[in-house]
Amino acid sequence: MLDAVLIEKSDSGQVAGLSAIDTPQLPQGDVLVEVAWSTLNYKDALAITGASPVVRSFPMVPGIDFAGVIAESSHPPLNWAIGSC
């Protein structure tokens, strides 16, 4: 289980809150990072508040500014090294 800010769509609009999610709930991607530190930037704030149509698909975990360790990588041609920062 991972703790994350999760933005979901409901009948009354979008709702953001802290949620516990499983790895399979994350969107498919090439690199999985065990995030140690993260921030929310201006665009993340717009997505959370719904003040601007930033979110393209729901649910969404905001926070693109982060630091951590690579847990998995299948990104050709780079194939990031597992354990690298």
PDB file of N, CA and C in Angstrom:
ATOM      1  N   MET A   1       0.835  -1.183   0.000  1.00  0.00           N
ATOM      2  CA  MET A   1       0.000   0.000   0.000  1.00  0.00           C
ATOM      3  C   MET A   1       0.881   1.248   0.000  1.00  0.00           C
ATOM      4  N   LEU A   2       0.477   2.229  -0.770  1.00  0.00           N
ATOM      5  CA  LEU A   2       1.182   3.495  -0.891  1.00  0.00           C
ATOM      6  C   LEU A   2       0.248   4.621  -0.471  1.00  0.00           C
ATOM      7  N   ASP A   3       0.773   5.627   0.226  1.00  0.00           N
ATOM      8  CA  ASP A   3      -0.010   6.807   0.546  1.00  0.00           C
ATOM      9  C   ASP A   3       0.176   7.818  -0.570  1.00  0.00           C
ATOM     10  N   ALA A   4      -0.923   8.367  -1.066  1.00  0.00           N
ATOM     11  CA  ALA A   4      -0.843   9.317  -2.170  1.00  0.00           C
ATOM     12  C   ALA A   4      -2.018  10.273  -2.131  1.00  0.00           C
ATOM     13  N   VAL A   5      -1.814  11.456  -2.684  1.00  0.00           N
ATOM     14  CA  VAL A   5      -2.933  12.345  -2.961  1.00  0.00           C
ATOM     15  C   VAL A   5      -3.592  11.768  -4.208  1.00  0.00           C
ATOM     16  N   LEU A   6      -4.890  11.553  -4.132  1.00  0.00           N
ATOM     17  CA  LEU A   6      -5.615  10.949  -5.245  1.00  0.00           C
ATOM     18  C   LEU A   6      -6.760  11.865  -5.647  1.00  0.00           C
ATOM     19  N   ILE A   7      -6.832  12.180  -6.937  1.00  0.00           N
ATOM     20  CA  ILE A   7      -7.925  12.998  -7.471  1.00  0.00           C
ATOM     21  C   ILE A   7      -8.859  12.057  -8.221  1.00  0.00           C
ATOM     22  N   GLU A   8     -10.127  12.057  -7.811  1.00  0.00           N
ATOM     23  CA  GLU A   8     -11.124  11.198  -8.450  1.00  0.00           C
ATOM     24  C   GLU A   8     -12.290  12.046  -8.938  1.00  0.00           C
ATOM     25  N   LYS A   9     -13.034  11.506  -9.883  1.00  0.00           N
ATOM     26  CA  LYS A   9     -14.198  12.192 -10.447  1.00  0.00           C
ATOM     27  C   LYS A   9     -15.453  11.592  -9.828  1.00  0.00           C
ATOM     28  N   SER A  10     -16.363  12.473  -9.380  1.00  0.00           N
ATOM     29  CA  SER A  10     -17.646  12.018  -8.854  1.00  0.00           C
ATOM     30  C   SER A  10     -18.759  12.756  -9.584  1.00  0.00           C
ATOM     31  N   ASP A  11     -19.990  12.419  -9.264  1.00  0.00           N
ATOM     32  CA  ASP A  11     -21.121  13.085  -9.909  1.00  0.00           C
ATOM     33  C   ASP A  11     -21.151  14.581  -9.621  1.00  0.00           C
ATOM     34  N   SER A  12     -20.616  14.981  -8.463  1.00  0.00           N
ATOM     35  CA  SER A  12     -20.633  16.395  -8.091  1.00  0.00           C
ATOM     36  C   SER A  12     -19.363  17.139  -8.493  1.00  0.00           C
ATOM     37  N   GLY A  13     -18.467  16.494  -9.222  1.00  0.00           N
ATOM     38  CA  GLY A  13     -17.211  17.115  -9.641  1.00  0.00           C
ATOM     39  C   GLY A  13     -16.037  16.261  -9.234  1.00  0.00           C
ATOM     40  N   GLN A  14     -14.881  16.874  -9.122  1.00  0.00           N
ATOM     41  CA  GLN A  14     -13.719  16.086  -8.718  1.00  0.00           C
ATOM     42  C   GLN A  14     -13.468  16.252  -7.231  1.00  0.00           C
ATOM     43  N   VAL A  15     -12.892  15.187  -6.641  1.00  0.00           N
ATOM     44  CA  VAL A  15     -12.611  15.137  -5.214  1.00  0.00           C
ATOM     45  C   VAL A  15     -11.156  14.737  -5.049  1.00  0.00           C
ATOM     46  N   ALA A  16     -10.427  15.462  -4.173  1.00  0.00           N
ATOM     47  CA  ALA A  16      -9.030  15.137  -3.901  1.00  0.00           C
ATOM     48  C   ALA A  16      -8.872  14.840  -2.421  1.00  0.00           C
ATOM     49  N   GLY A  17      -8.038  13.845  -2.119  1.00  0.00           N
ATOM     50  CA  GLY A  17      -7.773  13.509  -0.731  1.00  0.00           C
ATOM     51  C   GLY A  17      -6.616  12.545  -0.621  1.00  0.00           C
ATOM     52  N   LEU A  18      -6.176  12.323   0.611  1.00  0.00           N
ATOM     53  CA  LEU A  18      -5.102  11.372   0.866  1.00  0.00           C
ATOM     54  C   LEU A  18      -5.697   9.974   0.875  1.00  0.00           C
ATOM     55  N   SER A  19      -5.113   9.059   0.102  1.00  0.00           N
ATOM     56  CA  SER A  19      -5.633   7.703  -0.023  1.00  0.00           C
ATOM     57  C   SER A  19      -4.510   6.685   0.038  1.00  0.00           C
ATOM     58  N   ALA A  20      -4.851   5.491   0.439  1.00  0.00           N
ATOM     59  CA  ALA A  20      -3.933   4.359   0.366  1.00  0.00           C
ATOM     60  C   ALA A  20      -4.257   3.613  -0.919  1.00  0.00           C
ATOM     61  N   ILE A  21      -3.266   3.453  -1.790  1.00  0.00           N
ATOM     62  CA  ILE A  21      -3.488   2.767  -3.064  1.00  0.00           C
ATOM     63  C   ILE A  21      -2.466   1.645  -3.224  1.00  0.00           C
ATOM     64  N   ASP A  22      -2.815   0.662  -4.045  1.00  0.00           N
ATOM     65  CA  ASP A  22      -1.913  -0.438  -4.368  1.00  0.00           C
ATOM     66  C   ASP A  22      -1.178  -0.129  -5.663  1.00  0.00           C
ATOM     67  N   THR A  23      -0.003  -0.696  -5.839  1.00  0.00           N
ATOM     68  CA  THR A  23       0.789  -0.475  -7.047  1.00  0.00           C
ATOM     69  C   THR A  23       0.000  -0.751  -8.330  1.00  0.00           C
ATOM     70  N   PRO A  24      -0.834  -1.818  -8.403  1.00  0.00           N
ATOM     71  CA  PRO A  24      -1.585  -2.046  -9.644  1.00  0.00           C
ATOM     72  C   PRO A  24      -2.559  -0.917 -10.004  1.00  0.00           C
ATOM     73  N   GLN A  25      -2.899  -0.056  -9.052  1.00  0.00           N
ATOM     74  CA  GLN A  25      -3.788   1.070  -9.332  1.00  0.00           C
ATOM     75  C   GLN A  25      -3.063   2.213 -10.050  1.00  0.00           C
ATOM     76  N   LEU A  26      -1.738   2.192 -10.034  1.00  0.00           N
ATOM     77  CA  LEU A  26      -0.971   3.235 -10.702  1.00  0.00           C
ATOM     78  C   LEU A  26      -1.073   3.070 -12.212  1.00  0.00           C
ATOM     79  N   PRO A  27      -0.963   4.169 -12.967  1.00  0.00           N
ATOM     80  CA  PRO A  27      -0.999   4.033 -14.422  1.00  0.00           C
ATOM     81  C   PRO A  27       0.221   3.269 -14.927  1.00  0.00           C
ATOM     82  N   GLN A  28       0.055   2.602 -16.047  1.00  0.00           N
ATOM     83  CA  GLN A  28       1.166   1.875 -16.652  1.00  0.00           C
ATOM     84  C   GLN A  28       2.248   2.862 -17.051  1.00  0.00           C
ATOM     85  N   GLY A  29       3.496   2.454 -16.900  1.00  0.00           N
ATOM     86  CA  GLY A  29       4.604   3.312 -17.277  1.00  0.00           C
ATOM     87  C   GLY A  29       5.863   2.501 -17.456  1.00  0.00           C
ATOM     88  N   ASP A  30       6.936   3.187 -17.782  1.00  0.00           N
ATOM     89  CA  ASP A  30       8.203   2.533 -18.064  1.00  0.00           C
ATOM     90  C   ASP A  30       9.107   2.423 -16.848  1.00  0.00           C
ATOM     91  N   VAL A  31       8.910   3.330 -15.870  1.00  0.00           N
ATOM     92  CA  VAL A  31       9.801   3.384 -14.720  1.00  0.00           C
ATOM     93  C   VAL A  31       8.966   3.525 -13.447  1.00  0.00           C
ATOM     94  N   LEU A  32       9.262   2.692 -12.443  1.00  0.00           N
ATOM     95  CA  LEU A  32       8.621   2.787 -11.135  1.00  0.00           C
ATOM     96  C   LEU A  32       9.654   3.315 -10.152  1.00  0.00           C
ATOM     97  N   VAL A  33       9.326   4.421  -9.478  1.00  0.00           N
ATOM     98  CA  VAL A  33      10.244   5.063  -8.540  1.00  0.00           C
ATOM     99  C   VAL A  33       9.660   4.981  -7.133  1.00  0.00           C
ATOM    100  N   GLU A  34      10.472   4.525  -6.178  1.00  0.00           N
ATOM    101  CA  GLU A  34      10.090   4.588  -4.774  1.00  0.00           C
ATOM    102  C   GLU A  34      10.391   6.012  -4.317  1.00  0.00           C
ATOM    103  N   VAL A  35       9.357   6.833  -4.226  1.00  0.00           N
ATOM    104  CA  VAL A  35       9.516   8.255  -3.959  1.00  0.00           C
ATOM    105  C   VAL A  35       9.822   8.486  -2.481  1.00  0.00           C
ATOM    106  N   ALA A  36      10.900   9.204  -2.228  1.00  0.00           N
ATOM    107  CA  ALA A  36      11.280   9.562  -0.863  1.00  0.00           C
ATOM    108  C   ALA A  36      10.772  10.955  -0.512  1.00  0.00           C
ATOM    109  N   TRP A  37      10.795  11.862  -1.475  1.00  0.00           N
ATOM    110  CA  TRP A  37      10.361  13.237  -1.266  1.00  0.00           C
ATOM    111  C   TRP A  37       9.578  13.711  -2.477  1.00  0.00           C
ATOM    112  N   SER A  38       8.535  14.490  -2.232  1.00  0.00           N
ATOM    113  CA  SER A  38       7.738  15.027  -3.327  1.00  0.00           C
ATOM    114  C   SER A  38       7.198  16.401  -2.942  1.00  0.00           C
ATOM    115  N   THR A  39       6.929  17.196  -3.946  1.00  0.00           N
ATOM    116  CA  THR A  39       6.284  18.486  -3.731  1.00  0.00           C
ATOM    117  C   THR A  39       5.103  18.594  -4.677  1.00  0.00           C
ATOM    118  N   LEU A  40       4.237  19.527  -4.400  1.00  0.00           N
ATOM    119  CA  LEU A  40       3.137  19.827  -5.297  1.00  0.00           C
ATOM    120  C   LEU A  40       3.406  21.203  -5.877  1.00  0.00           C
ATOM    121  N   ASN A  41       3.452  21.281  -7.196  1.00  0.00           N
ATOM    122  CA  ASN A  41       3.725  22.564  -7.835  1.00  0.00           C
ATOM    123  C   ASN A  41       2.416  23.260  -8.230  1.00  0.00           C
ATOM    124  N   TYR A  42       2.527  24.378  -8.913  1.00  0.00           N
ATOM    125  CA  TYR A  42       1.365  25.177  -9.288  1.00  0.00           C
ATOM    126  C   TYR A  42       0.364  24.373 -10.125  1.00  0.00           C
ATOM    127  N   LYS A  43       0.859  23.627 -11.088  1.00  0.00           N
ATOM    128  CA  LYS A  43      -0.028  22.839 -11.945  1.00  0.00           C
ATOM    129  C   LYS A  43      -0.717  21.731 -11.141  1.00  0.00           C
ATOM    130  N   ASP A  44       0.000  21.139 -10.179  1.00  0.00           N
ATOM    131  CA  ASP A  44      -0.620  20.146  -9.299  1.00  0.00           C
ATOM    132  C   ASP A  44      -1.760  20.784  -8.504  1.00  0.00           C
ATOM    133  N   ALA A  45      -1.534  21.997  -7.999  1.00  0.00           N
ATOM    134  CA  ALA A  45      -2.566  22.707  -7.235  1.00  0.00           C
ATOM    135  C   ALA A  45      -3.796  22.974  -8.098  1.00  0.00           C
ATOM    136  N   LEU A  46      -3.592  23.347  -9.350  1.00  0.00           N
ATOM    137  CA  LEU A  46      -4.717  23.542 -10.262  1.00  0.00           C
ATOM    138  C   LEU A  46      -5.492  22.240 -10.460  1.00  0.00           C
ATOM    139  N   ALA A  47      -4.765  21.136 -10.572  1.00  0.00           N
ATOM    140  CA  ALA A  47      -5.419  19.839 -10.746  1.00  0.00           C
ATOM    141  C   ALA A  47      -6.224  19.462  -9.502  1.00  0.00           C
ATOM    142  N   ILE A  48      -5.645  19.673  -8.322  1.00  0.00           N
ATOM    143  CA  ILE A  48      -6.312  19.309  -7.067  1.00  0.00           C
ATOM    144  C   ILE A  48      -7.573  20.141  -6.846  1.00  0.00           C
ATOM    145  N   THR A  49      -7.497  21.442  -7.099  1.00  0.00           N
ATOM    146  CA  THR A  49      -8.640  22.317  -6.845  1.00  0.00           C
ATOM    147  C   THR A  49      -9.694  22.248  -7.940  1.00  0.00           C
ATOM    148  N   GLY A  50      -9.314  21.763  -9.115  1.00  0.00           N
ATOM    149  CA  GLY A  50     -10.250  21.724 -10.230  1.00  0.00           C
ATOM    150  C   GLY A  50     -10.471  23.103 -10.839  1.00  0.00           C
ATOM    151  N   ALA A  51      -9.633  24.082 -10.467  1.00  0.00           N
ATOM    152  CA  ALA A  51      -9.778  25.453 -10.953  1.00  0.00           C
ATOM    153  C   ALA A  51      -9.487  25.578 -12.440  1.00  0.00           C
ATOM    154  N   SER A  52      -8.783  24.622 -12.986  1.00  0.00           N
ATOM    155  CA  SER A  52      -8.439  24.639 -14.400  1.00  0.00           C
ATOM    156  C   SER A  52      -8.536  23.203 -14.910  1.00  0.00           C
ATOM    157  N   PRO A  53      -8.938  22.999 -16.144  1.00  0.00           N
ATOM    158  CA  PRO A  53      -9.065  21.624 -16.663  1.00  0.00           C
ATOM    159  C   PRO A  53      -7.699  20.984 -16.963  1.00  0.00           C
ATOM    160  N   VAL A  54      -6.984  20.623 -15.915  1.00  0.00           N
ATOM    161  CA  VAL A  54      -5.644  20.061 -16.050  1.00  0.00           C
ATOM    162  C   VAL A  54      -5.689  18.539 -16.151  1.00  0.00           C
ATOM    163  N   VAL A  55      -6.572  17.908 -15.386  1.00  0.00           N
ATOM    164  CA  VAL A  55      -6.634  16.445 -15.328  1.00  0.00           C
ATOM    165  C   VAL A  55      -7.300  15.921 -16.593  1.00  0.00           C
ATOM    166  N   ARG A  56      -6.611  15.003 -17.267  1.00  0.00           N
ATOM    167  CA  ARG A  56      -7.140  14.443 -18.516  1.00  0.00           C
ATOM    168  C   ARG A  56      -7.807  13.095 -18.307  1.00  0.00           C
ATOM    169  N   SER A  57      -7.368  12.367 -17.276  1.00  0.00           N
ATOM    170  CA  SER A  57      -8.009  11.087 -16.971  1.00  0.00           C
ATOM    171  C   SER A  57      -8.007  10.873 -15.461  1.00  0.00           C
ATOM    172  N   PHE A  58      -9.043  10.227 -14.991  1.00  0.00           N
ATOM    173  CA  PHE A  58      -9.213   9.964 -13.570  1.00  0.00           C
ATOM    174  C   PHE A  58      -9.145   8.467 -13.309  1.00  0.00           C
ATOM    175  N   PRO A  59      -8.705   8.046 -12.148  1.00  0.00           N
ATOM    176  CA  PRO A  59      -8.122   8.845 -11.079  1.00  0.00           C
ATOM    177  C   PRO A  59      -6.720   9.306 -11.447  1.00  0.00           C
ATOM    178  N   MET A  60      -6.236  10.332 -10.718  1.00  0.00           N
ATOM    179  CA  MET A  60      -4.913  10.887 -10.975  1.00  0.00           C
ATOM    180  C   MET A  60      -4.176  11.081  -9.652  1.00  0.00           C
ATOM    181  N   VAL A  61      -2.889  10.751  -9.651  1.00  0.00           N
ATOM    182  CA  VAL A  61      -2.012  11.042  -8.520  1.00  0.00           C
ATOM    183  C   VAL A  61      -1.127  12.201  -8.950  1.00  0.00           C
ATOM    184  N   PRO A  62      -1.349  13.411  -8.386  1.00  0.00           N
ATOM    185  CA  PRO A  62      -0.520  14.548  -8.770  1.00  0.00           C
ATOM    186  C   PRO A  62       0.852  14.473  -8.109  1.00  0.00           C
ATOM    187  N   GLY A  63       1.766  15.279  -8.587  1.00  0.00           N
ATOM    188  CA  GLY A  63       3.096  15.351  -7.990  1.00  0.00           C
ATOM    189  C   GLY A  63       4.170  14.863  -8.940  1.00  0.00           C
ATOM    190  N   ILE A  64       4.568  15.709  -9.876  1.00  0.00           N
ATOM    191  CA  ILE A  64       5.588  15.302 -10.846  1.00  0.00           C
ATOM    192  C   ILE A  64       6.988  15.686 -10.409  1.00  0.00           C
ATOM    193  N   ASP A  65       7.077  16.486  -9.331  1.00  0.00           N
ATOM    194  CA  ASP A  65       8.384  16.888  -8.806  1.00  0.00           C
ATOM    195  C   ASP A  65       8.706  15.974  -7.631  1.00  0.00           C
ATOM    196  N   PHE A  66       9.670  15.086  -7.816  1.00  0.00           N
ATOM    197  CA  PHE A  66       9.962  14.118  -6.759  1.00  0.00           C
ATOM    198  C   PHE A  66      11.404  13.655  -6.823  1.00  0.00           C
ATOM    199  N   ALA A  67      11.834  13.004  -5.746  1.00  0.00           N
ATOM    200  CA  ALA A  67      13.161  12.385  -5.688  1.00  0.00           C
ATOM    201  C   ALA A  67      13.000  11.023  -5.037  1.00  0.00           C
ATOM    202  N   GLY A  68      13.739  10.045  -5.536  1.00  0.00           N
ATOM    203  CA  GLY A  68      13.643   8.708  -4.978  1.00  0.00           C
ATOM    204  C   GLY A  68      14.610   7.757  -5.649  1.00  0.00           C
ATOM    205  N   VAL A  69      14.291   6.476  -5.499  1.00  0.00           N
ATOM    206  CA  VAL A  69      15.146   5.410  -6.014  1.00  0.00           C
ATOM    207  C   VAL A  69      14.351   4.596  -7.038  1.00  0.00           C
ATOM    208  N   ILE A  70      14.982   4.254  -8.148  1.00  0.00           N
ATOM    209  CA  ILE A  70      14.322   3.465  -9.191  1.00  0.00           C
ATOM    210  C   ILE A  70      14.138   2.030  -8.711  1.00  0.00           C
ATOM    211  N   ALA A  71      12.870   1.573  -8.723  1.00  0.00           N
ATOM    212  CA  ALA A  71      12.535   0.219  -8.283  1.00  0.00           C
ATOM    213  C   ALA A  71      12.416  -0.742  -9.467  1.00  0.00           C
ATOM    214  N   GLU A  72      11.878  -0.254 -10.598  1.00  0.00           N
ATOM    215  CA  GLU A  72      11.714  -1.071 -11.809  1.00  0.00           C
ATOM    216  C   GLU A  72      11.925  -0.170 -13.020  1.00  0.00           C
ATOM    217  N   SER A  73      12.446  -0.744 -14.102  1.00  0.00           N
ATOM    218  CA  SER A  73      12.605   0.010 -15.329  1.00  0.00           C
ATOM    219  C   SER A  73      12.506  -0.909 -16.534  1.00  0.00           C
ATOM    220  N   SER A  74      11.655  -0.495 -17.477  1.00  0.00           N
ATOM    221  CA  SER A  74      11.564  -1.215 -18.751  1.00  0.00           C
ATOM    222  C   SER A  74      11.562  -0.203 -19.889  1.00  0.00           C
ATOM    223  N   HIS A  75      12.241   0.919 -19.669  1.00  0.00           N
ATOM    224  CA  HIS A  75      12.271   1.991 -20.650  1.00  0.00           C
ATOM    225  C   HIS A  75      13.392   1.769 -21.652  1.00  0.00           C
ATOM    226  N   PRO A  76      13.037   1.270 -22.826  1.00  0.00           N
ATOM    227  CA  PRO A  76      14.082   1.180 -23.837  1.00  0.00           C
ATOM    228  C   PRO A  76      14.284   2.557 -24.428  1.00  0.00           C
ATOM    229  N   PRO A  77      15.307   3.045 -24.778  1.00  0.00           N
ATOM    230  CA  PRO A  77      16.660   2.528 -24.834  1.00  0.00           C
ATOM    231  C   PRO A  77      17.460   2.799 -23.568  1.00  0.00           C
ATOM    232  N   LEU A  78      16.888   3.550 -22.596  1.00  0.00           N
ATOM    233  CA  LEU A  78      17.687   3.954 -21.446  1.00  0.00           C
ATOM    234  C   LEU A  78      17.807   2.866 -20.397  1.00  0.00           C
ATOM    235  N   ASN A  79      16.720   2.135 -20.133  1.00  0.00           N
ATOM    236  CA  ASN A  79      16.709   1.078 -19.133  1.00  0.00           C
ATOM    237  C   ASN A  79      17.438   1.506 -17.864  1.00  0.00           C
ATOM    238  N   TRP A  80      16.855   2.467 -17.175  1.00  0.00           N
ATOM    239  CA  TRP A  80      17.434   3.025 -15.956  1.00  0.00           C
ATOM    240  C   TRP A  80      17.866   1.938 -14.994  1.00  0.00           C
ATOM    241  N   ALA A  81      18.965   2.118 -14.319  1.00  0.00           N
ATOM    242  CA  ALA A  81      19.516   1.124 -13.408  1.00  0.00           C
ATOM    243  C   ALA A  81      18.689   1.055 -12.116  1.00  0.00           C
ATOM    244  N   ILE A  82      18.289  -0.144 -11.738  1.00  0.00           N
ATOM    245  CA  ILE A  82      17.545  -0.361 -10.507  1.00  0.00           C
ATOM    246  C   ILE A  82      18.426   0.103  -9.342  1.00  0.00           C
ATOM    247  N   GLY A  83      17.833   0.849  -8.405  1.00  0.00           N
ATOM    248  CA  GLY A  83      18.572   1.321  -7.241  1.00  0.00           C
ATOM    249  C   GLY A  83      19.228   2.668  -7.433  1.00  0.00           C
ATOM    250  N   SER A  84      19.231   3.193  -8.666  1.00  0.00           N
ATOM    251  CA  SER A  84      19.852   4.502  -8.878  1.00  0.00           C
ATOM    252  C   SER A  84      18.892   5.610  -8.465  1.00  0.00           C
ATOM    253  N   CYS A  85      19.462   6.764  -8.173  1.00  0.00           N
ATOM    254  CA  CYS A  85      18.671   7.921  -7.723  1.00  0.00           C
ATOM    255  C   CYS A  85      18.453   8.877  -8.869  1.00  0.00           C
TER     256      CYS A  85
END
